[in-house]
Amino acid sequence: MIENIKISPLQFGLLVVVFTIGSSILLTPSGLASIAKQDAWIASLFGIGISMIIVILFSILARHYPSYNFAEYCEIILGKWLGKIIAVSFVYFSFVGASSLLFDMGNFMVTQIMPETPIEIFNIVFALVILYGLRLGIEVIARTVEIFFPWIVLLLLLLVIAVIPQIEMTKFQPIFEADLKTVFHGAIIYASIAGMPCVVFTMLIPLLHTQKKVCRNFVTANILGGIVITVITLTSIGVLGADTTSRVAFPSYVLAKKISLADFLERIEVIVAIIWFITLFFKIILYFYASIIGTAQILGLTDYRPFLFPFGLLLVTHSLFIYPNTIYEAEFNNRVWVAFALTIGFLLPVFLLVISILRKKMKAILK
C-alpha cells in the first residue's frame, strides 16, 4: 500500500452512496427514459439488482486480498509484468471516468447557468479544487463527506417533497410496456454508471479501520444510492413525462424549475445544482484518486502527490476533447462506455477472482 492512513466503515459507506448518486442524479433519468420510456424506473430497479451482484463480486475479491488494492491484485495474481499491463487498463478506465465527468460539469455550467463563460474556466477551477482535495489526502476527503452528506439528504428530501404535488400517475401508463430485453438494456446502462465503476473502491478497502462486514456496508450503500436514482427517475417521468425526460439533457434540473409552492417557493433548481456539484466532486475525486494511486503503484513509487499537477493538466485537457458534442457523448455512453465498464468493472474482476481461486487450489493440490 502506498498510503498508510485509515478511514472508517461509515466514511466508506457514505463515499459509496455519493459516488453511486454522482452524475446519475442529473444524467441517468434521461438515458433510461430514452430506452425504456415510462418503464425507466423499472429498468433502474433491475439495475440496482445487477449492481448489487457486481459489488458483492468486488467484496469477495477484496476478501481474498484484504491488505492490497486492485493494482496490487493484478500483480499478485497475474505476475509482475502482465499484472502491470492489466493494471494500466484499470488506471485508464478511472482516468476516463474522471475526465468525462469533468466535461459534464463544465457542459452543465455553460449550457444552463453561465453560457457566456468558456467551458475551460469551469473545468480548470473544478480541477484545482479536486487537486487540492487530493493534496490533503483521501482521509480528509472521507471526513469531508461526513459533513456534506446530511445536507445532500436534506436537499434531496426538499426536492422530492416539493415536486410530489405535480406528479401525474397517467404519465407512468401503460406500465410494463417495455419488453424484458429493453428493460435489461436499460439496467445495463444503469449498472455501467452506478455499479461497475464502484470497482474504484477496491483501492479504498485496504484503508478501512476494520474490514468486518465490508460486503454488507458496500452493498447497502450502493443500494441506497440506487434508490435515490430510482426516485429521481420516477419523479422526472411523473412530472415531465417519459418523452420530455428522454429529450432534455438534465431532466432533474428541468424538474426543479417546475417547483412552485403557494407562489412563494419557486425556481429552486439551484438545489439540484448544489446536490450535483457535491456528489460530482466526490465521484471525480475518487475516480482520479484510483487512477493516480494505480499509476504510482505500477511505477513502484511510495507517494502519489508528485503526479497531482501533471495528471491534473492531463485531466483538464482530456475533459475538453473527450466529447466533440453532447450527441457524441450520448452515443459514447450507450455503446463505448458500457463495453468499457463491463470489461473493467465486471469481466476483469471475475477473471482475477477465477485465476486466484484456481491458483490457490493448485497450490493446495501440490502440497
Protein backbone atom coordinates (compact mmCIF):
# COMPACT_ATOMS: atom_id res chain seq x y z
CA MET A 1 0.00 0.00 0.00
CA ILE A 2 1.17 3.50 -0.88
CA GLU A 3 -0.84 5.30 1.79
CA ASN A 4 -0.61 4.43 5.45
CA ILE A 5 -3.90 6.00 6.54
CA LYS A 6 -7.23 4.68 7.76
CA ILE A 7 -10.87 5.54 7.12
CA SER A 8 -13.93 4.31 9.00
CA PRO A 9 -16.59 1.93 7.62
CA LEU A 10 -19.13 4.77 7.93
CA GLN A 11 -16.98 7.09 5.82
CA PHE A 12 -16.50 4.31 3.28
CA GLY A 13 -20.26 3.72 3.08
CA LEU A 14 -21.04 7.43 2.65
CA LEU A 15 -18.45 7.68 -0.13
CA VAL A 16 -20.13 4.74 -1.89
CA VAL A 17 -23.54 6.43 -1.63
CA VAL A 18 -22.40 9.78 -3.04
CA PHE A 19 -20.32 8.04 -5.72
CA THR A 20 -23.35 6.00 -6.78
CA ILE A 21 -25.53 9.12 -6.94
CA GLY A 22 -22.72 11.17 -8.52
CA SER A 23 -23.55 12.21 -12.07
CA SER A 24 -26.53 9.83 -12.14
CA ILE A 25 -28.93 12.21 -10.41
CA LEU A 26 -28.75 14.62 -13.34
CA LEU A 27 -27.97 12.38 -16.33
CA THR A 28 -29.31 8.87 -15.76
CA PRO A 29 -33.09 9.60 -15.93
CA SER A 30 -32.66 10.88 -19.49
CA GLY A 31 -30.66 7.85 -20.62
CA LEU A 32 -33.05 5.36 -19.04
CA ALA A 33 -36.15 7.13 -20.38
CA SER A 34 -34.74 7.15 -23.91
CA ILE A 35 -34.52 3.35 -23.73
CA ALA A 36 -37.38 2.15 -21.52
CA LYS A 37 -39.71 5.19 -21.75
CA GLN A 38 -42.15 5.32 -18.83
CA ASP A 39 -40.73 1.99 -17.55
CA ALA A 40 -37.35 3.64 -16.93
CA TRP A 41 -37.85 3.31 -13.17
CA ILE A 42 -38.29 -0.46 -13.61
CA ALA A 43 -35.00 -0.61 -15.54
CA SER A 44 -33.43 1.32 -12.68
CA LEU A 45 -34.64 -1.28 -10.15
CA PHE A 46 -33.22 -4.09 -12.29
CA GLY A 47 -30.00 -2.07 -12.49
CA ILE A 48 -29.82 -1.91 -8.71
CA GLY A 49 -30.03 -5.72 -8.62
CA ILE A 50 -27.25 -6.10 -11.19
CA SER A 51 -25.10 -3.55 -9.37
CA MET A 52 -25.62 -5.40 -6.11
CA ILE A 53 -24.21 -8.60 -7.64
CA ILE A 54 -21.24 -6.69 -9.05
CA VAL A 55 -20.49 -5.01 -5.71
CA ILE A 56 -20.61 -8.41 -3.98
CA LEU A 57 -18.04 -9.60 -6.54
CA PHE A 58 -15.72 -6.71 -5.60
CA SER A 59 -16.15 -7.55 -1.91
CA ILE A 60 -15.28 -11.22 -2.47
CA LEU A 61 -12.17 -10.26 -4.42
CA ALA A 62 -11.14 -7.83 -1.67
CA ARG A 63 -11.67 -10.53 0.96
CA HIS A 64 -9.05 -12.68 -0.79
CA TYR A 65 -6.51 -9.84 -0.60
CA PRO A 66 -7.55 -7.63 2.33
CA SER A 67 -4.26 -5.70 2.52
CA TYR A 68 -3.95 -4.92 -1.18
CA ASN A 69 -5.65 -2.68 -3.73
CA PHE A 70 -6.80 -3.52 -7.26
CA ALA A 71 -3.50 -2.67 -8.95
CA GLU A 72 -1.74 -4.96 -6.48
CA TYR A 73 -4.27 -7.77 -7.08
CA CYS A 74 -3.29 -7.74 -10.74
CA GLU A 75 0.42 -8.17 -9.99
CA ILE A 76 -0.09 -10.81 -7.29
CA ILE A 77 -2.47 -12.91 -9.39
CA LEU A 78 -1.06 -12.44 -12.91
CA GLY A 79 2.60 -11.82 -12.20
CA LYS A 80 4.62 -8.61 -12.21
CA TRP A 81 4.66 -7.64 -15.89
CA LEU A 82 1.31 -8.96 -17.08
CA GLY A 83 -0.25 -7.61 -13.90
CA LYS A 84 1.15 -4.14 -14.54
CA ILE A 85 -0.17 -4.17 -18.10
CA ILE A 86 -3.66 -5.13 -16.91
CA ALA A 87 -3.47 -2.52 -14.15
CA VAL A 88 -2.85 0.15 -16.79
CA SER A 89 -6.30 -0.56 -18.26
CA PHE A 90 -7.84 -0.01 -14.82
CA VAL A 91 -5.94 3.27 -14.44
CA TYR A 92 -7.11 4.46 -17.85
CA PHE A 93 -10.71 3.48 -17.07
CA SER A 94 -10.61 5.55 -13.87
CA PHE A 95 -8.99 8.49 -15.65
CA VAL A 96 -11.58 8.48 -18.46
CA GLY A 97 -14.33 8.36 -15.83
CA ALA A 98 -12.90 11.45 -14.11
CA SER A 99 -12.37 13.44 -17.32
CA SER A 100 -15.83 12.62 -18.72
CA LEU A 101 -17.49 13.83 -15.52
CA LEU A 102 -15.39 16.99 -15.56
CA PHE A 103 -16.72 17.62 -19.07
CA ASP A 104 -20.29 17.07 -17.82
CA MET A 105 -19.77 19.62 -15.08
CA GLY A 106 -18.40 22.24 -17.48
CA ASN A 107 -21.08 21.49 -20.06
CA PHE A 108 -23.80 21.92 -17.45
CA MET A 109 -22.41 25.30 -16.41
CA VAL A 110 -22.11 26.71 -19.95
CA THR A 111 -25.50 25.43 -21.12
CA GLN A 112 -27.63 26.05 -18.04
CA ILE A 113 -26.10 28.72 -15.81
CA MET A 114 -23.33 30.86 -17.38
CA PRO A 115 -23.47 30.40 -21.17
CA GLU A 116 -21.07 33.27 -21.95
CA THR A 117 -18.21 31.84 -19.89
CA PRO A 118 -15.81 29.44 -21.65
CA ILE A 119 -16.03 25.83 -20.51
CA GLU A 120 -12.25 25.85 -19.95
CA ILE A 121 -12.66 28.19 -16.97
CA PHE A 122 -15.08 25.89 -15.17
CA ASN A 123 -13.04 22.76 -15.86
CA ILE A 124 -9.81 24.36 -14.62
CA VAL A 125 -11.38 25.77 -11.44
CA PHE A 126 -13.13 22.49 -10.59
CA ALA A 127 -9.94 20.53 -11.32
CA LEU A 128 -7.96 22.79 -8.96
CA VAL A 129 -10.44 22.03 -6.17
CA ILE A 130 -10.03 18.31 -6.85
CA LEU A 131 -6.23 18.56 -6.84
CA TYR A 132 -6.30 20.49 -3.58
CA GLY A 133 -8.53 17.85 -2.03
CA LEU A 134 -6.21 15.03 -3.07
CA ARG A 135 -3.23 17.04 -1.91
CA LEU A 136 -4.75 16.95 1.58
CA GLY A 137 -5.30 13.20 1.24
CA ILE A 138 -8.15 10.71 0.98
CA GLU A 139 -8.55 10.70 4.77
CA VAL A 140 -9.57 14.37 4.64
CA ILE A 141 -11.95 13.63 1.76
CA ALA A 142 -13.53 10.84 3.83
CA ARG A 143 -14.08 13.25 6.72
CA THR A 144 -15.50 15.87 4.37
CA VAL A 145 -18.20 13.52 3.09
CA GLU A 146 -19.48 13.16 6.67
CA ILE A 147 -20.03 16.93 6.76
CA PHE A 148 -21.78 17.22 3.40
CA PHE A 149 -23.89 14.06 3.47
CA PRO A 150 -26.66 15.36 5.80
CA TRP A 151 -27.07 18.40 3.54
CA ILE A 152 -27.33 16.17 0.47
CA VAL A 153 -30.10 14.16 2.16
CA LEU A 154 -31.92 17.31 3.29
CA LEU A 155 -31.83 18.92 -0.17
CA LEU A 156 -32.93 15.68 -1.86
CA LEU A 157 -35.90 15.39 0.50
CA LEU A 158 -36.85 19.01 -0.15
CA LEU A 159 -36.69 18.44 -3.92
CA VAL A 160 -38.80 15.26 -3.89
CA ILE A 161 -41.41 16.60 -1.45
CA ALA A 162 -41.75 19.82 -3.45
CA VAL A 163 -42.47 18.04 -6.76
CA ILE A 164 -44.83 15.34 -5.42
CA PRO A 165 -47.96 17.55 -5.94
CA GLN A 166 -47.13 17.82 -9.66
CA ILE A 167 -46.79 14.09 -10.32
CA GLU A 168 -49.42 12.73 -12.74
CA MET A 169 -49.93 8.97 -12.47
CA THR A 170 -51.16 8.80 -16.07
CA LYS A 171 -47.62 9.55 -17.24
CA PHE A 172 -46.50 6.14 -15.94
CA GLN A 173 -49.04 4.36 -18.12
CA PRO A 174 -49.01 1.89 -19.68
CA ILE A 175 -46.85 0.17 -17.07
CA PHE A 176 -44.65 -2.74 -18.25
CA GLU A 177 -44.99 -1.67 -21.87
CA ALA A 178 -41.26 -2.23 -22.45
CA ASP A 179 -40.25 -5.83 -23.05
CA LEU A 180 -37.72 -7.65 -20.89
CA LYS A 181 -34.88 -7.11 -23.38
CA THR A 182 -35.43 -3.34 -23.34
CA VAL A 183 -35.61 -3.24 -19.55
CA PHE A 184 -32.43 -5.31 -19.29
CA HIS A 185 -30.71 -2.94 -21.73
CA GLY A 186 -31.65 -0.01 -19.51
CA ALA A 187 -30.49 -1.93 -16.44
CA ILE A 188 -27.06 -2.50 -18.00
CA ILE A 189 -26.81 1.21 -18.82
CA TYR A 190 -27.63 1.96 -15.18
CA ALA A 191 -25.08 -0.58 -13.90
CA SER A 192 -22.37 0.86 -16.17
CA ILE A 193 -22.80 4.22 -14.40
CA ALA A 194 -23.70 3.32 -10.81
CA GLY A 195 -22.44 -0.25 -10.33
CA MET A 196 -19.43 -1.29 -12.38
CA PRO A 197 -17.46 1.93 -11.71
CA CYS A 198 -17.56 1.04 -7.99
CA VAL A 199 -14.50 -1.07 -8.80
CA VAL A 200 -12.54 2.06 -7.80
CA PHE A 201 -13.46 1.30 -4.17
CA THR A 202 -11.15 -1.71 -4.27
CA MET A 203 -8.46 0.97 -3.92
CA LEU A 204 -10.04 2.11 -0.62
CA ILE A 205 -10.98 -1.17 1.09
CA PRO A 206 -7.40 -1.79 2.36
CA LEU A 207 -7.57 1.61 4.11
CA LEU A 208 -10.52 0.64 6.32
CA HIS A 209 -10.02 0.54 10.10
CA THR A 210 -11.81 -2.80 10.12
CA GLN A 211 -12.84 -4.94 7.19
CA LYS A 212 -15.61 -6.75 9.06
CA LYS A 213 -18.94 -6.52 7.23
CA VAL A 214 -17.32 -4.77 4.23
CA CYS A 215 -19.62 -6.59 1.83
CA ARG A 216 -22.76 -5.63 3.75
CA ASN A 217 -21.74 -1.98 4.02
CA PHE A 218 -20.68 -1.85 0.36
CA VAL A 219 -23.92 -3.40 -0.91
CA THR A 220 -26.19 -1.39 1.41
CA ALA A 221 -24.57 1.91 0.42
CA ASN A 222 -24.81 1.11 -3.29
CA ILE A 223 -28.50 0.18 -2.93
CA LEU A 224 -29.23 3.43 -1.05
CA GLY A 225 -27.61 5.42 -3.84
CA GLY A 226 -29.63 3.40 -6.36
CA ILE A 227 -32.88 4.15 -4.54
CA VAL A 228 -32.14 7.87 -4.85
CA ILE A 229 -31.60 7.50 -8.61
CA THR A 230 -34.83 5.50 -8.96
CA VAL A 231 -36.83 8.11 -7.02
CA ILE A 232 -35.42 10.92 -9.18
CA THR A 233 -36.24 8.91 -12.31
CA LEU A 234 -39.79 8.31 -11.05
CA THR A 235 -40.41 11.95 -10.25
CA SER A 236 -38.90 13.10 -13.57
CA ILE A 237 -41.24 10.84 -15.54
CA GLY A 238 -44.22 11.61 -13.30
CA VAL A 239 -43.85 15.37 -13.76
CA LEU A 240 -42.21 15.80 -17.16
CA GLY A 241 -43.35 12.62 -18.89
CA ALA A 242 -41.15 9.97 -20.49
CA ASP A 243 -40.80 11.81 -23.80
CA THR A 244 -39.60 15.10 -22.29
CA THR A 245 -37.36 13.29 -19.80
CA SER A 246 -35.64 11.43 -22.64
CA ARG A 247 -35.12 14.57 -24.75
CA VAL A 248 -33.68 17.02 -22.21
CA ALA A 249 -30.03 16.74 -21.19
CA PHE A 250 -30.61 17.39 -17.47
CA PRO A 251 -34.17 16.27 -16.60
CA SER A 252 -33.92 16.61 -12.83
CA TYR A 253 -32.72 20.22 -13.25
CA VAL A 254 -35.69 20.95 -15.51
CA LEU A 255 -37.87 19.16 -12.96
CA ALA A 256 -36.72 21.51 -10.19
CA LYS A 257 -37.64 24.53 -12.33
CA LYS A 258 -41.27 23.44 -12.18
CA ILE A 259 -41.44 23.62 -8.39
CA SER A 260 -44.00 26.16 -7.23
CA LEU A 261 -45.44 26.07 -3.73
CA ALA A 262 -48.04 28.71 -2.77
CA ASP A 263 -46.49 31.15 -5.27
CA PHE A 264 -43.69 31.59 -2.77
CA LEU A 265 -41.22 28.73 -3.15
CA GLU A 266 -40.25 28.82 -6.82
CA ARG A 267 -37.26 28.40 -9.14
CA ILE A 268 -35.21 26.41 -6.64
CA GLU A 269 -33.36 24.42 -9.30
CA VAL A 270 -30.21 25.58 -7.54
CA ILE A 271 -30.97 22.72 -5.09
CA VAL A 272 -30.32 20.17 -7.83
CA ALA A 273 -27.21 22.03 -8.93
CA ILE A 274 -25.80 22.05 -5.38
CA ILE A 275 -26.53 18.34 -4.85
CA TRP A 276 -24.96 17.53 -8.20
CA PHE A 277 -21.83 19.61 -7.62
CA ILE A 278 -21.23 17.98 -4.24
CA THR A 279 -21.78 14.39 -5.38
CA LEU A 280 -19.91 15.01 -8.64
CA PHE A 281 -16.92 16.36 -6.71
CA PHE A 282 -16.65 13.16 -4.71
CA LYS A 283 -17.16 10.93 -7.74
CA ILE A 284 -14.49 12.70 -9.79
CA ILE A 285 -12.05 12.76 -6.90
CA LEU A 286 -12.48 9.01 -6.28
CA TYR A 287 -12.02 8.21 -9.98
CA PHE A 288 -8.95 10.45 -10.09
CA TYR A 289 -7.57 9.01 -6.84
CA ALA A 290 -7.86 5.47 -8.22
CA SER A 291 -6.05 6.44 -11.42
CA ILE A 292 -3.20 8.26 -9.71
CA ILE A 293 -2.70 5.68 -6.94
CA GLY A 294 -2.76 2.95 -9.57
CA THR A 295 -0.12 4.79 -11.60
CA ALA A 296 2.14 5.20 -8.59
CA GLN A 297 1.64 1.51 -7.77
CA ILE A 298 2.57 0.42 -11.30
CA LEU A 299 5.72 2.57 -11.22
CA GLY A 300 6.68 1.30 -7.78
CA LEU A 301 6.55 4.73 -6.12
CA THR A 302 5.69 5.43 -2.49
CA ASP A 303 3.96 8.81 -2.95
CA TYR A 304 1.36 9.88 -5.50
CA ARG A 305 1.48 13.63 -4.80
CA PRO A 306 4.26 14.47 -7.31
CA PHE A 307 1.85 13.24 -10.01
CA LEU A 308 -1.02 15.51 -9.00
CA PHE A 309 -0.20 18.59 -11.07
CA PRO A 310 0.82 16.84 -14.34
CA PHE A 311 -2.15 14.48 -14.05
CA GLY A 312 -4.36 17.49 -13.33
CA LEU A 313 -3.22 19.13 -16.57
CA LEU A 314 -3.96 15.91 -18.44
CA LEU A 315 -7.36 15.69 -16.77
CA VAL A 316 -8.42 19.18 -17.86
CA THR A 317 -7.05 18.72 -21.38
CA HIS A 318 -8.72 15.34 -21.80
CA SER A 319 -12.03 16.68 -20.49
CA LEU A 320 -12.04 19.38 -23.19
CA PHE A 321 -11.52 16.94 -26.06
CA ILE A 322 -13.18 13.72 -24.89
CA TYR A 323 -16.55 14.63 -26.46
CA PRO A 324 -16.88 16.79 -29.59
CA ASN A 325 -20.54 17.42 -28.70
CA THR A 326 -23.36 16.12 -26.49
CA ILE A 327 -24.77 13.89 -29.25
CA TYR A 328 -21.42 12.10 -29.44
CA GLU A 329 -21.40 11.85 -25.64
CA ALA A 330 -24.80 10.13 -25.58
CA GLU A 331 -23.65 7.64 -28.21
CA PHE A 332 -20.36 7.09 -26.37
CA ASN A 333 -22.12 6.46 -23.05
CA ASN A 334 -24.60 3.98 -24.55
CA ARG A 335 -22.03 2.00 -26.52
CA VAL A 336 -18.34 2.55 -25.76
CA TRP A 337 -18.61 3.33 -22.06
CA VAL A 338 -20.93 0.37 -21.39
CA ALA A 339 -18.44 -2.02 -23.04
CA PHE A 340 -15.51 -0.38 -21.23
CA ALA A 341 -17.23 -0.51 -17.83
CA LEU A 342 -18.37 -4.10 -18.43
CA THR A 343 -14.77 -5.12 -19.20
CA ILE A 344 -13.02 -3.34 -16.32
CA GLY A 345 -15.86 -3.32 -13.80
CA PHE A 346 -17.09 -6.90 -14.24
CA LEU A 347 -15.18 -9.22 -16.58
CA LEU A 348 -11.73 -8.29 -15.26
CA PRO A 349 -12.65 -8.80 -11.56
CA VAL A 350 -14.31 -12.13 -12.46
CA PHE A 351 -11.19 -13.16 -14.36
CA LEU A 352 -8.90 -12.20 -11.46
CA LEU A 353 -11.11 -14.00 -8.93
CA VAL A 354 -11.25 -17.20 -11.01
CA ILE A 355 -7.48 -17.22 -11.58
CA SER A 356 -6.89 -16.54 -7.87
CA ILE A 357 -9.12 -19.45 -6.80
CA LEU A 358 -7.53 -21.81 -9.33
CA ARG A 359 -4.01 -20.87 -8.20
CA LYS A 360 -4.89 -21.47 -4.56
CA LYS A 361 -6.41 -24.84 -5.40
CA MET A 362 -3.34 -25.81 -7.43
CA LYS A 363 -1.07 -24.88 -4.53
CA ALA A 364 -3.20 -26.95 -2.16
CA ILE A 365 -3.02 -29.96 -4.52
CA LEU A 366 0.76 -29.65 -4.95
CA LYS A 367 1.24 -29.57 -1.19
